[in-house]
């Protein structure tokens, strides 16, 4: 599971005669960054306002969330990356970006600006189980389940051992009673002085 590329895009607006603009991006794979950015822009332009979508390209997915006509977040991941986590990351990217930049800045942006939070997110979200609370709880539940299974197995083994000990104890008790009876018979003919 891997997140490759995060992009914040201001999609084109024909009414305002404005071209699509990449506002900020961060990539974990620098060799194909240009392609990933192009792919992000294409997906962002085709995402409707208020829509969340996943687009598959070869073995990669682009998850997009367009919160307003002016802002769309795109997360490119591999096939195994959980879609819920990727779309949550896209929403979080938009939230963090709009905390720092207002609509006027977004509408007037003419170039790509660095946004340090994206670098933090691309590092943090490489392991979705650590970044997502639900996945973290699920992982803990799975680990607890494994421990419980082992504990139950050991209890069953102990129970089997206890049963064997009880059987052995009953055998010894029966044998000691027989020994006592035999000894009593044998000693009854002799007189002890």
Protein backbone atom coordinates (compact mmCIF):
# COMPACT_ATOMS: atom_id res chain seq x y z
CA UNK A 1 0.00 0.00 0.00
CA UNK A 2 1.51 3.25 -1.12
CA UNK A 3 0.44 6.84 -1.80
CA UNK A 4 2.48 8.20 -4.71
CA UNK A 5 1.29 11.73 -5.37
CA UNK A 6 -0.83 14.46 -3.76
CA UNK A 7 -2.08 17.40 -5.80
CA UNK A 8 -4.29 20.42 -5.15
CA UNK A 9 -5.77 21.74 -8.39
CA UNK A 10 -7.87 24.74 -9.35
CA UNK A 11 -9.88 23.31 -12.26
CA UNK A 12 -10.49 25.34 -15.40
CA UNK A 13 -13.46 27.71 -15.47
CA UNK A 14 -14.66 28.62 -18.96
CA UNK A 15 -17.02 31.32 -17.64
CA UNK A 16 -14.13 33.14 -15.95
CA UNK A 17 -11.79 32.22 -18.84
CA UNK A 18 -9.36 30.68 -16.44
CA UNK A 19 -7.10 27.73 -17.18
CA UNK A 20 -6.50 24.82 -14.88
CA UNK A 21 -3.80 25.58 -12.33
CA UNK A 22 -1.86 23.20 -10.09
CA UNK A 23 -1.76 25.01 -6.76
CA UNK A 24 0.53 22.61 -4.95
CA UNK A 25 1.77 19.04 -5.28
CA UNK A 26 4.00 16.57 -3.50
CA UNK A 27 5.29 13.33 -4.93
CA UNK A 28 6.97 10.27 -3.53
CA UNK A 29 8.15 9.28 -7.01
CA UNK A 30 10.10 12.10 -8.67
CA UNK A 31 10.90 10.23 -11.91
CA UNK A 32 7.28 10.31 -13.13
CA UNK A 33 6.11 13.44 -11.34
CA UNK A 34 5.16 15.19 -14.58
CA UNK A 35 2.91 12.31 -15.64
CA UNK A 36 1.33 12.11 -12.18
CA UNK A 37 0.61 15.84 -12.24
CA UNK A 38 -0.94 15.57 -15.72
CA UNK A 39 -3.04 12.61 -14.57
CA UNK A 40 -4.13 14.60 -11.48
CA UNK A 41 -5.16 17.62 -13.56
CA UNK A 42 -7.14 15.44 -15.97
CA UNK A 43 -9.02 13.72 -13.14
CA UNK A 44 -9.63 17.05 -11.34
CA UNK A 45 -11.12 18.62 -14.49
CA UNK A 46 -13.53 15.69 -14.86
CA UNK A 47 -14.67 15.70 -11.23
CA UNK A 48 -17.93 17.54 -10.53
CA UNK A 49 -18.36 19.89 -7.55
CA UNK A 50 -19.17 17.93 -4.39
CA UNK A 51 -18.18 14.64 -6.01
CA UNK A 52 -15.71 12.04 -4.76
CA UNK A 53 -14.46 9.58 -7.32
CA UNK A 54 -11.83 6.97 -8.03
CA UNK A 55 -10.25 6.58 -11.46
CA UNK A 56 -8.15 3.54 -12.31
CA UNK A 57 -5.13 3.80 -14.60
CA UNK A 58 -3.10 0.59 -15.02
CA UNK A 59 -2.38 -0.53 -11.43
CA UNK A 60 -2.85 2.93 -9.92
CA UNK A 61 -5.87 4.81 -8.65
CA UNK A 62 -6.50 8.53 -8.59
CA UNK A 63 -8.92 9.52 -5.85
CA UNK A 64 -10.40 12.98 -6.31
CA UNK A 65 -12.57 15.20 -4.17
CA UNK A 66 -13.81 18.53 -5.50
CA UNK A 67 -15.20 20.60 -2.66
CA UNK A 68 -15.92 23.76 -4.64
CA UNK A 69 -15.68 25.02 -8.23
CA UNK A 70 -12.21 26.36 -7.38
CA UNK A 71 -10.54 23.51 -5.55
CA UNK A 72 -9.99 19.80 -6.10
CA UNK A 73 -7.65 17.43 -4.26
CA UNK A 74 -6.25 14.36 -6.01
CA UNK A 75 -4.46 11.45 -4.32
CA UNK A 76 -2.71 8.86 -6.54
CA UNK A 77 -2.09 5.46 -4.94
CA UNK A 78 -1.45 1.85 -5.81
CA UNK A 79 -4.25 -0.70 -6.15
CA UNK A 80 -4.11 -1.98 -2.55
CA UNK A 81 -4.46 1.43 -0.89
CA UNK A 82 -7.84 1.71 0.90
CA UNK A 83 -10.21 4.07 -0.94
CA UNK A 84 -11.79 5.38 2.28
CA UNK A 85 -8.39 6.49 3.57
CA UNK A 86 -7.42 8.08 0.23
CA UNK A 87 -10.67 10.05 -0.05
CA UNK A 88 -10.36 11.08 3.59
CA UNK A 89 -6.85 12.33 2.84
CA UNK A 90 -8.18 14.35 -0.13
CA UNK A 91 -10.77 16.01 2.12
CA UNK A 92 -8.12 16.70 4.76
CA UNK A 93 -5.85 18.27 2.12
CA UNK A 94 -8.61 20.67 1.12
CA UNK A 95 -9.41 21.51 4.76
CA UNK A 96 -5.78 22.31 5.54
CA UNK A 97 -5.30 24.31 2.34
CA UNK A 98 -8.43 26.43 2.89
CA UNK A 99 -7.33 27.16 6.48
CA UNK A 100 -4.21 28.83 5.09
CA UNK A 101 -5.49 30.26 1.77
CA UNK A 102 -8.76 32.08 1.14
CA UNK A 103 -10.86 32.00 -2.06
CA UNK A 104 -9.26 35.21 -3.35
CA UNK A 105 -5.80 33.60 -3.19
CA UNK A 106 -7.04 30.38 -4.83
CA UNK A 107 -8.77 32.29 -7.66
CA UNK A 108 -5.78 34.53 -8.37
CA UNK A 109 -3.01 31.93 -8.08
CA UNK A 110 -0.87 31.85 -11.19
CA UNK A 111 1.76 29.29 -10.29
CA UNK A 112 2.47 26.28 -8.19
CA UNK A 113 3.26 27.17 -4.59
CA UNK A 114 4.77 24.89 -2.00
CA UNK A 115 2.47 23.68 0.75
CA UNK A 116 4.46 21.98 3.51
CA UNK A 117 1.47 20.05 4.83
CA UNK A 118 1.43 17.93 1.65
CA UNK A 119 4.99 16.75 2.34
CA UNK A 120 3.90 15.81 5.88
CA UNK A 121 0.81 14.01 4.55
CA UNK A 122 2.71 12.00 1.92
CA UNK A 123 4.99 10.72 4.68
CA UNK A 124 2.25 10.09 7.23
CA UNK A 125 -0.17 8.36 4.86
CA UNK A 126 2.32 5.82 3.48
CA UNK A 127 1.01 3.47 6.16
CA UNK A 128 -2.76 3.94 6.10
CA UNK A 129 -3.15 1.85 9.26
CA UNK A 130 -1.21 4.46 11.23
CA UNK A 131 -2.93 7.44 9.63
CA UNK A 132 -6.52 6.19 9.82
CA UNK A 133 -8.09 5.59 13.24
CA UNK A 134 -10.59 3.00 12.03
CA UNK A 135 -7.88 0.92 10.36
CA UNK A 136 -5.73 1.29 13.48
CA UNK A 137 -8.56 -0.03 15.67
CA UNK A 138 -9.21 -2.86 13.19
CA UNK A 139 -5.53 -3.83 13.30
CA UNK A 140 -5.59 -3.81 17.10
CA UNK A 141 -8.74 -5.95 17.07
CA UNK A 142 -7.07 -8.43 14.71
CA UNK A 143 -4.01 -8.61 16.97
CA UNK A 144 -6.22 -9.11 20.04
CA UNK A 145 -8.13 -11.85 18.22
CA UNK A 146 -4.88 -13.71 17.49
CA UNK A 147 -3.84 -13.46 21.16
CA UNK A 148 -7.26 -14.72 22.30
CA UNK A 149 -7.08 -17.69 19.91
CA UNK A 150 -3.66 -18.62 21.28
CA UNK A 151 -4.92 -18.27 24.86
CA UNK A 152 -7.95 -20.46 24.17
CA UNK A 153 -5.76 -23.08 22.50
CA UNK A 154 -3.41 -23.15 25.50
CA UNK A 155 -6.39 -23.42 27.87
CA UNK A 156 -7.74 -26.36 25.88
CA UNK A 157 -4.32 -28.02 25.98
CA UNK A 158 -4.14 -27.46 29.74
CA UNK A 159 -7.64 -28.89 30.09
CA UNK A 160 -6.57 -32.00 28.18
CA UNK A 161 -3.52 -32.33 30.42
CA UNK A 162 -5.69 -31.92 33.53
CA UNK A 163 -8.05 -34.62 32.26
CA UNK A 164 -5.09 -36.93 31.72
CA UNK A 165 -3.84 -36.18 35.26
CA UNK A 166 -7.28 -36.89 36.75
CA UNK A 167 -7.44 -40.20 34.84
CA UNK A 168 -3.95 -41.12 36.02
CA UNK A 169 -4.85 -40.14 39.59
CA UNK A 170 -7.97 -42.34 39.46
CA UNK A 171 -5.84 -45.21 38.15
CA UNK A 172 -3.33 -44.80 40.96
CA UNK A 173 -6.14 -44.63 43.52
CA UNK A 174 -7.66 -47.85 42.18
CA UNK A 175 -4.27 -49.54 42.17
CA UNK A 176 -3.52 -48.40 45.74
CA UNK A 177 -6.88 -49.78 46.94
CA UNK A 178 -6.11 -53.09 45.26
CA UNK A 179 -2.65 -53.09 46.83
CA UNK A 180 -4.17 -52.36 50.25
CA UNK A 181 -6.68 -55.21 49.94
CA UNK A 182 -4.00 -57.62 48.72
CA UNK A 183 -1.64 -56.55 51.51
CA UNK A 184 -4.40 -56.98 54.11
CA UNK A 185 -5.16 -60.50 52.88
CA UNK A 186 -1.52 -61.41 52.84
CA UNK A 187 -0.88 -59.98 56.31
CA UNK A 188 -3.99 -61.56 57.86
CA UNK A 189 -2.36 -64.98 58.11
CA UNK A 190 0.66 -63.59 59.90
CA UNK A 191 0.69 -62.36 63.42
CA UNK A 192 2.79 -59.39 64.25
CA UNK A 193 4.36 -59.47 67.71
